[in-house]
Protein backbone atom coordinates (compact mmCIF):
# COMPACT_ATOMS: atom_id res chain seq x y z
CA MET A 1 -8.41 -31.57 18.18
CA ASP A 2 -5.54 -33.46 16.57
CA ILE A 3 -3.31 -30.78 15.04
CA SER A 4 -2.18 -33.30 12.45
CA GLU A 5 -5.64 -32.81 10.91
CA LEU A 6 -4.98 -29.15 10.22
CA GLN A 7 -5.06 -28.42 6.51
CA LYS A 8 -3.45 -25.81 4.34
CA ILE A 9 -5.44 -22.77 3.25
CA ASP A 10 -5.25 -22.02 -0.46
CA GLU A 11 -6.10 -18.62 -1.90
CA VAL A 12 -8.48 -18.53 -4.82
CA PRO A 13 -8.27 -15.69 -7.38
CA LEU A 14 -11.39 -13.56 -7.47
CA ARG A 15 -11.78 -14.30 -11.18
CA GLU A 16 -12.50 -17.94 -10.34
CA VAL A 17 -15.55 -16.84 -8.35
CA TRP A 18 -16.61 -13.71 -10.23
CA GLU A 19 -15.87 -13.92 -13.94
CA HIS A 20 -16.09 -10.21 -14.66
CA GLU A 21 -15.02 -7.37 -12.40
CA GLU A 22 -17.62 -4.81 -13.47
CA GLN A 23 -20.52 -7.12 -14.29
CA ASP A 24 -20.11 -9.66 -11.46
CA PHE A 25 -17.89 -8.49 -8.61
CA THR A 26 -19.14 -4.90 -8.38
CA PRO A 27 -22.82 -5.97 -8.06
CA TRP A 28 -21.81 -8.50 -5.39
CA LEU A 29 -19.88 -5.79 -3.54
CA LEU A 30 -22.95 -3.54 -3.73
CA GLU A 31 -25.12 -6.19 -2.13
CA ASN A 32 -22.51 -6.87 0.58
CA VAL A 33 -21.31 -3.33 1.20
CA ASP A 34 -22.33 -3.65 4.88
CA GLN A 35 -19.46 -6.14 5.38
CA LEU A 36 -17.00 -3.64 3.96
CA ALA A 37 -18.46 -0.74 5.94
CA SER A 38 -18.40 -2.72 9.18
CA LEU A 39 -14.76 -3.59 8.69
CA ILE A 40 -13.58 0.00 8.32
CA GLY A 41 -15.89 1.25 11.06
CA ILE A 42 -18.53 3.32 9.30
CA GLU A 43 -21.96 2.85 7.77
CA ILE A 44 -22.62 3.37 4.08
CA ASN A 45 -26.13 4.12 2.86
CA ASP A 46 -27.73 5.03 -0.47
CA VAL A 47 -25.11 3.12 -2.48
CA ASN A 48 -25.35 3.41 -6.25
CA ARG A 49 -23.38 1.81 -9.11
CA GLU A 50 -21.72 3.56 -12.02
CA THR A 51 -22.18 7.10 -10.72
CA ALA A 52 -21.14 9.70 -13.29
CA VAL A 53 -18.13 11.84 -12.35
CA GLY A 54 -17.41 14.07 -15.32
CA ASP A 55 -16.72 11.81 -18.29
CA TYR A 56 -16.06 8.81 -16.02
CA THR A 57 -18.17 6.55 -13.80
CA ALA A 58 -17.28 5.51 -10.27
CA ASP A 59 -17.84 1.86 -9.31
CA LEU A 60 -19.83 2.60 -6.14
CA VAL A 61 -20.83 5.84 -4.45
CA GLY A 62 -22.71 6.09 -1.18
CA THR A 63 -23.22 8.27 1.88
CA GLU A 64 -22.05 8.05 5.49
CA PRO A 65 -25.39 8.68 7.24
CA THR A 66 -24.16 10.44 10.37
CA THR A 67 -22.41 13.23 8.46
CA ASP A 68 -23.98 12.86 4.98
CA ASP A 69 -20.42 12.77 3.64
CA PRO A 70 -19.91 11.05 0.26
CA VAL A 71 -18.19 7.66 0.11
CA VAL A 72 -16.50 6.44 -3.08
CA ILE A 73 -15.44 2.82 -3.63
CA GLU A 74 -13.17 1.71 -6.49
CA ASN A 75 -12.71 -2.04 -6.89
CA GLN A 76 -10.41 -4.06 -9.13
CA PHE A 77 -9.11 -7.57 -9.72
CA GLY A 78 -5.40 -8.19 -9.30
CA SER A 79 -2.87 -5.79 -7.80
CA THR A 80 -3.25 -2.03 -7.69
CA ASP A 81 -2.12 -0.03 -10.70
CA HIS A 82 -1.69 3.59 -11.73
CA ASP A 83 -4.84 3.53 -13.85
CA HIS A 84 -7.11 2.68 -10.92
CA LEU A 85 -5.24 5.09 -8.63
CA GLY A 86 -5.92 7.89 -11.10
CA LYS A 87 -9.59 6.92 -11.28
CA LEU A 88 -9.84 6.77 -7.50
CA LEU A 89 -8.47 10.30 -7.09
CA THR A 90 -10.60 11.63 -9.94
CA TYR A 91 -13.78 10.25 -8.39
CA ALA A 92 -12.81 11.43 -4.90
CA ALA A 93 -12.21 14.96 -6.12
CA GLY A 94 -15.25 14.99 -8.39
CA ILE A 95 -17.75 14.24 -5.63
CA ASP A 96 -15.72 15.75 -2.77
CA ALA A 97 -15.62 12.35 -1.05
CA ARG A 98 -14.66 12.19 2.62
CA PHE A 99 -14.28 8.40 2.64
CA VAL A 100 -12.31 6.84 -0.22
CA VAL A 101 -12.03 3.04 -0.37
CA TRP A 102 -9.80 1.16 -2.82
CA VAL A 103 -10.65 -2.56 -2.96
CA ALA A 104 -7.98 -4.69 -4.65
CA GLU A 105 -6.51 -8.20 -4.37
CA GLY A 106 -3.00 -6.83 -3.79
CA PHE A 107 -1.46 -3.46 -2.96
CA ARG A 108 1.87 -2.48 -4.48
CA ASP A 109 4.24 -0.77 -2.06
CA GLU A 110 4.19 2.48 -4.03
CA HIS A 111 0.40 2.62 -3.95
CA ARG A 112 0.26 1.90 -0.23
CA SER A 113 2.70 4.76 0.20
CA VAL A 114 0.45 7.06 -1.81
CA LEU A 115 -2.57 6.25 0.38
CA ASP A 116 -0.51 6.73 3.54
CA TRP A 117 0.76 10.05 2.19
CA LEU A 118 -2.76 11.21 1.33
CA ASN A 119 -3.96 10.33 4.83
CA THR A 120 -1.13 12.42 6.25
CA ARG A 121 -1.21 15.39 3.87
CA ASP A 122 -4.72 15.67 2.45
CA SER A 123 -6.13 19.07 3.44
CA SER A 124 -9.75 18.26 2.53
CA GLY A 125 -10.15 15.86 5.44
CA ALA A 126 -10.73 12.84 3.19
CA ARG A 127 -9.87 9.46 4.66
CA PHE A 128 -8.30 6.84 2.41
CA PHE A 129 -8.61 3.08 2.92
CA GLY A 130 -7.02 0.16 1.12
CA VAL A 131 -8.99 -3.06 1.52
CA ARG A 132 -8.09 -6.52 0.26
CA PRO A 133 -10.84 -9.03 -0.60
CA ARG A 134 -9.73 -12.63 -0.13
CA ILE A 135 -11.21 -15.99 -1.12
CA VAL A 136 -9.78 -19.12 0.50
CA SER A 137 -10.39 -22.86 0.31
CA VAL A 138 -9.38 -25.49 2.83
CA GLY A 139 -8.28 -28.99 1.93
CA THR A 140 -9.94 -30.72 -0.99
CA ASP A 141 -11.00 -29.17 -4.27
CA ASP A 142 -14.69 -29.49 -3.40
CA ALA A 143 -14.32 -27.81 0.01
CA PRO A 144 -16.51 -24.75 0.61
CA LEU A 145 -14.93 -21.37 -0.03
CA GLY A 146 -14.46 -18.67 2.58
CA PHE A 147 -14.39 -14.90 2.11
CA GLU A 148 -12.96 -12.02 4.12
CA PHE A 149 -11.98 -8.37 3.80
CA THR A 150 -8.66 -7.19 5.27
CA VAL A 151 -7.72 -3.56 5.86
CA ILE A 152 -4.32 -2.85 4.29
CA VAL A 153 -4.26 0.95 4.69
CA GLU A 154 -6.25 3.25 6.95
CA PRO A 155 -5.76 6.76 8.39
CA ASN A 156 -3.07 6.77 11.07
CA ASP A 157 -5.41 8.09 13.75
CA TRP A 158 -8.51 6.22 12.62
CA GLU A 159 -8.74 3.90 15.64
CA ARG A 160 -8.30 6.85 17.97
CA GLU A 161 -10.87 8.86 16.03
CA LEU A 162 -13.40 6.06 16.34
CA ARG A 163 -12.72 5.82 20.05
CA ASP A 164 -12.12 9.28 21.54
CA PRO A 165 -13.40 11.54 22.84
CA LEU A 166 -16.81 10.07 23.71
CA SER A 167 -19.57 11.55 25.81
CA ASP A 168 -21.31 9.41 28.42
CA ARG A 169 -24.18 8.85 26.00
CA GLU A 170 -21.91 7.91 23.11
CA GLN A 171 -20.11 5.44 25.35
CA GLY A 172 -23.51 4.12 26.44
CA TYR A 173 -24.54 3.55 22.82
CA ARG A 174 -21.30 1.71 22.04
CA GLU A 175 -21.54 -0.54 25.11
CA PHE A 176 -25.22 -1.29 24.51
CA PHE A 177 -24.83 -2.14 20.84
CA THR A 178 -21.70 -4.19 21.48
CA ALA A 179 -23.71 -6.38 23.85
CA LEU A 180 -26.62 -6.47 21.39
CA VAL A 181 -24.34 -7.56 18.52
CA ASP A 182 -22.96 -10.39 20.66
CA ALA A 183 -26.45 -11.50 21.63
CA TYR A 184 -27.85 -11.40 18.11
CA ALA A 185 -24.82 -13.11 16.59
CA GLU A 186 -25.16 -15.93 19.11
CA HIS A 187 -28.89 -16.11 18.43
CA ARG A 188 -28.43 -16.07 14.63
CA PRO A 189 -24.90 -17.33 13.77
CA SER A 190 -25.31 -16.73 10.03
CA TRP A 191 -25.80 -13.01 10.61
CA ASN A 192 -22.88 -10.81 9.52
CA ARG A 193 -21.59 -9.39 12.78
CA LEU A 194 -21.37 -5.57 12.78
CA THR A 195 -18.88 -3.25 14.46
CA PRO A 196 -20.84 -0.93 16.78
CA GLN A 197 -20.06 2.77 16.75
CA PRO A 198 -20.94 5.39 19.41
CA ARG A 199 -24.20 6.29 17.67
CA SER A 200 -27.87 6.02 18.46
CA TYR A 201 -28.48 3.37 15.81
CA LEU A 202 -27.13 0.11 14.41
CA THR A 203 -28.28 -0.89 10.93
CA PHE A 204 -27.65 -3.65 8.41
CA GLY A 205 -28.71 -4.26 4.83
CA ALA A 206 -32.08 -5.76 3.95
CA GLY A 207 -30.90 -7.12 0.60
CA ILE A 208 -32.06 -4.12 -1.45
CA SER A 209 -29.88 -1.03 -1.85
CA GLY A 210 -31.17 1.83 0.28
CA ILE A 211 -33.32 -0.34 2.55
CA SER A 212 -32.00 -1.44 5.92
CA PHE A 213 -33.04 -3.04 9.18
CA GLY A 214 -31.97 -1.34 12.36
CA TRP A 215 -32.11 -0.96 16.10
CA VAL A 216 -32.51 2.73 16.92
CA PHE A 217 -32.80 4.94 19.98
CA HIS A 218 -35.15 7.85 19.34
CA GLY A 219 -34.66 10.60 21.88
CA GLU A 220 -33.95 9.54 25.45
CA THR A 221 -36.72 7.07 26.17
CA GLU A 222 -37.61 5.16 23.00
CA PHE A 223 -35.90 2.15 21.44
CA SER A 224 -37.16 0.60 18.23
CA VAL A 225 -36.67 -2.14 15.70
CA GLU A 226 -37.29 -0.71 12.26
CA LEU A 227 -37.07 -0.81 8.50
CA TYR A 228 -35.59 2.36 6.98
CA ILE A 229 -36.46 3.04 3.35
CA ASP A 230 -34.31 5.39 1.32
CA ALA A 231 -33.75 3.99 -2.16
CA GLY A 232 -32.47 7.34 -3.41
CA ASP A 233 -35.71 8.82 -4.75
CA ALA A 234 -38.62 10.21 -2.72
CA ASP A 235 -41.27 8.87 -5.11
CA GLN A 236 -39.72 5.42 -5.16
CA ASN A 237 -39.50 5.42 -1.37
CA GLU A 238 -43.18 6.29 -1.13
CA VAL A 239 -44.14 3.49 -3.53
CA ILE A 240 -42.21 0.94 -1.45
CA PHE A 241 -43.69 2.31 1.78
CA GLU A 242 -47.26 2.21 0.43
CA THR A 243 -46.71 -1.33 -0.88
CA PHE A 244 -45.95 -2.46 2.66
CA LYS A 245 -48.82 -0.40 4.02
CA GLU A 246 -51.31 -2.21 1.77
CA ASP A 247 -50.57 -5.28 3.88
CA ARG A 248 -50.68 -3.34 7.13
CA THR A 249 -53.31 -5.46 8.88
CA THR A 250 -51.42 -8.72 8.31
CA ILE A 251 -48.06 -7.23 9.26
CA GLU A 252 -49.39 -5.77 12.51
CA SER A 253 -51.24 -8.94 13.49
CA ASN A 254 -48.13 -11.07 12.91
CA LEU A 255 -45.91 -8.80 14.96
CA GLU A 256 -48.36 -8.58 17.88
CA ASN A 257 -46.90 -5.18 18.79
CA ASP A 258 -47.72 -1.60 17.93
CA VAL A 259 -46.29 -0.71 14.52
CA VAL A 260 -45.62 2.92 13.65
CA TRP A 261 -45.75 3.95 9.98
CA GLU A 262 -43.74 7.10 9.34
CA PRO A 263 -43.59 8.66 5.85
CA LEU A 264 -41.18 11.32 7.20
CA PRO A 265 -42.71 14.18 5.18
CA ASP A 266 -39.82 16.54 5.92
CA GLY A 267 -37.39 14.23 4.14
CA ARG A 268 -37.40 11.74 1.31
CA ALA A 269 -37.11 8.57 3.43
CA CYS A 270 -39.80 6.44 5.11
CA ARG A 271 -39.71 4.28 8.20
CA ILE A 272 -41.66 1.34 9.63
CA LYS A 273 -40.85 0.73 13.26
CA VAL A 274 -41.86 -1.23 16.33
CA PRO A 275 -41.06 1.01 19.31
CA ARG A 276 -40.66 0.34 23.00
CA SER A 277 -40.27 2.88 25.78
CA THR A 278 -37.13 2.77 27.93
CA PRO A 279 -36.98 3.65 31.63
CA ALA A 280 -34.01 6.00 31.14
CA PRO A 281 -31.48 7.23 28.55
CA VAL A 282 -29.05 4.55 27.40
CA GLU A 283 -26.20 5.69 29.66
CA GLU A 284 -28.44 5.46 32.76
CA LEU A 285 -29.86 1.98 32.16
CA THR A 286 -29.12 -0.57 34.85
CA SER A 287 -27.59 -3.90 33.83
CA HIS A 288 -30.96 -5.57 34.28
CA GLU A 289 -32.75 -2.92 32.18
CA GLN A 290 -30.11 -3.16 29.45
CA ASN A 291 -30.29 -6.96 29.32
CA GLU A 292 -34.06 -6.85 29.16
CA LEU A 293 -33.92 -4.36 26.28
CA ILE A 294 -31.36 -6.48 24.43
CA ASP A 295 -33.53 -9.60 24.83
CA TRP A 296 -36.50 -7.66 23.46
CA GLY A 297 -34.46 -6.24 20.58
CA THR A 298 -33.12 -9.68 19.64
CA ASP A 299 -36.51 -11.38 19.66
CA GLN A 300 -38.30 -8.47 18.02
CA MET A 301 -35.77 -8.21 15.19
CA ASP A 302 -36.30 -11.88 14.38
CA ALA A 303 -40.07 -11.43 14.32
CA PHE A 304 -39.75 -8.23 12.30
CA ARG A 305 -37.48 -9.82 9.69
CA ASP A 306 -39.76 -12.87 9.42
CA VAL A 307 -42.63 -10.58 8.46
CA ILE A 308 -40.76 -8.06 6.31
CA GLU A 309 -38.21 -10.11 4.35
CA PRO A 310 -40.71 -12.21 2.32
CA ARG A 311 -42.38 -8.97 1.24
CA LEU A 312 -39.05 -7.42 0.29
CA THR A 313 -38.43 -10.23 -2.20
CA GLN A 314 -41.69 -9.27 -3.96
CA LEU A 315 -40.73 -5.63 -4.51
């Protein structure tokens, strides 16, 4: 490439893309919360807008599924200010949040210092993140826009905490899903690449809050592609589940694999999955067995999404 063709990147204020912070940007953030979660290295499920905290309402509140710990997200246009800092701390305390994310276009030095101090001194175990959303354009005025999140502040030991110490199985999960992410991203370039964690599952949003696609290990010898339904209310989950089940014959015939319908009576969620047995636990799979499972998971997820996504748009 001729480097003389390189063009300058121009930043675009968020207000030029989303006119109103609360009415436009917050709903977009809700629909794309998986991008934010992937960046900071967690998953966020059951996300709701305008959650009441005393006399105030938090922008977004969700749950980290592994621990069931609350997650609070406060977003704003422009640079950080004392008003939003006060709100952030009020919401965090009000719901006893363990993950606190401040999304802002710029972070003043004093506010970065506050977040760093909280990560060092907070006795509740809460983890504070500062994340900057950024819109850029390249070249001409009619060039397409690009978007990215950048972590500005995170707990000092966060990378180490995500990494160590890991059991053999946790390491196996991370290695497997890292390879699966690479394979699926190559297969479907438009897919938002996830950051695998040492867990038995890897999920991403299905376009409706509380509903997600996922690859999941169940026990030691089952791997599945699935749709997990937890829209926040047991009755609503059941309605969604039964709506899919009404079309069970067509769904199963299109997938050409056994489909398991699980209402999960001991909890509020429901699950639709296509399982496959594995010859060994994840940490004992040979390279050939792992590659074969990844190929199956990649192809099966495509087939699964092709069948499920059109029906999701009708809910």
